[in-house]
């Protein structure tokens, strides 16, 4: 296995772990875990009344970004990309450095979202075509895991160059976040 392939495999696994960790970390800070709860609480903060057991009322936070200027809002996974969208907080007194860092993060998120939507659409389309072809050859029998493993390998081989370009660009984008993050951090430290 070439060094580039090892690096790509490693960085993809690190990225997936990072996304999972980040999503779990920020999902814990949101008040709702599903779209229904998000829509129901998006416009105003509500206070739940005391339950029949007499326990104290619980305050439910609003998920309206205009009212939530200090918290990250993390949505449900996108149906195609499987990435969780993040709404970054925009404080009222946001500095130029903080704004540059936030906008850069949003561009990196959009880059990832676009790549994975396109990649997963191509994958799903190719897989459906492959399954149709195999079913036609086998007289409408279900496609076996062994037959699918051939497809998976072929798809990965075909997508290797595209994946390498994405991986390189992903590293460039993430390293590019360091300077805006450092500027924002220095500004916060010096303004105290």
Foldseek 3Di string as FASTA:
>chain_A
DDPLVVVLVVVVVVVVVVQVVVLVVQCVVAQDAAPVVLVVQAPHKDWACADPVRDHIDTGDHPHLVVPQPGKDWHAQDPQLRGIDIDHHHDPPQDPLNVVLVVLVVVLVVLSVVVSNVLRVVVVVQLVVQQVVVCVVVVNDGDDPVSVVVVVVVSCVVCVVVSSVSSVVNVVSVVVSVVSVVVVVVVVVVVD
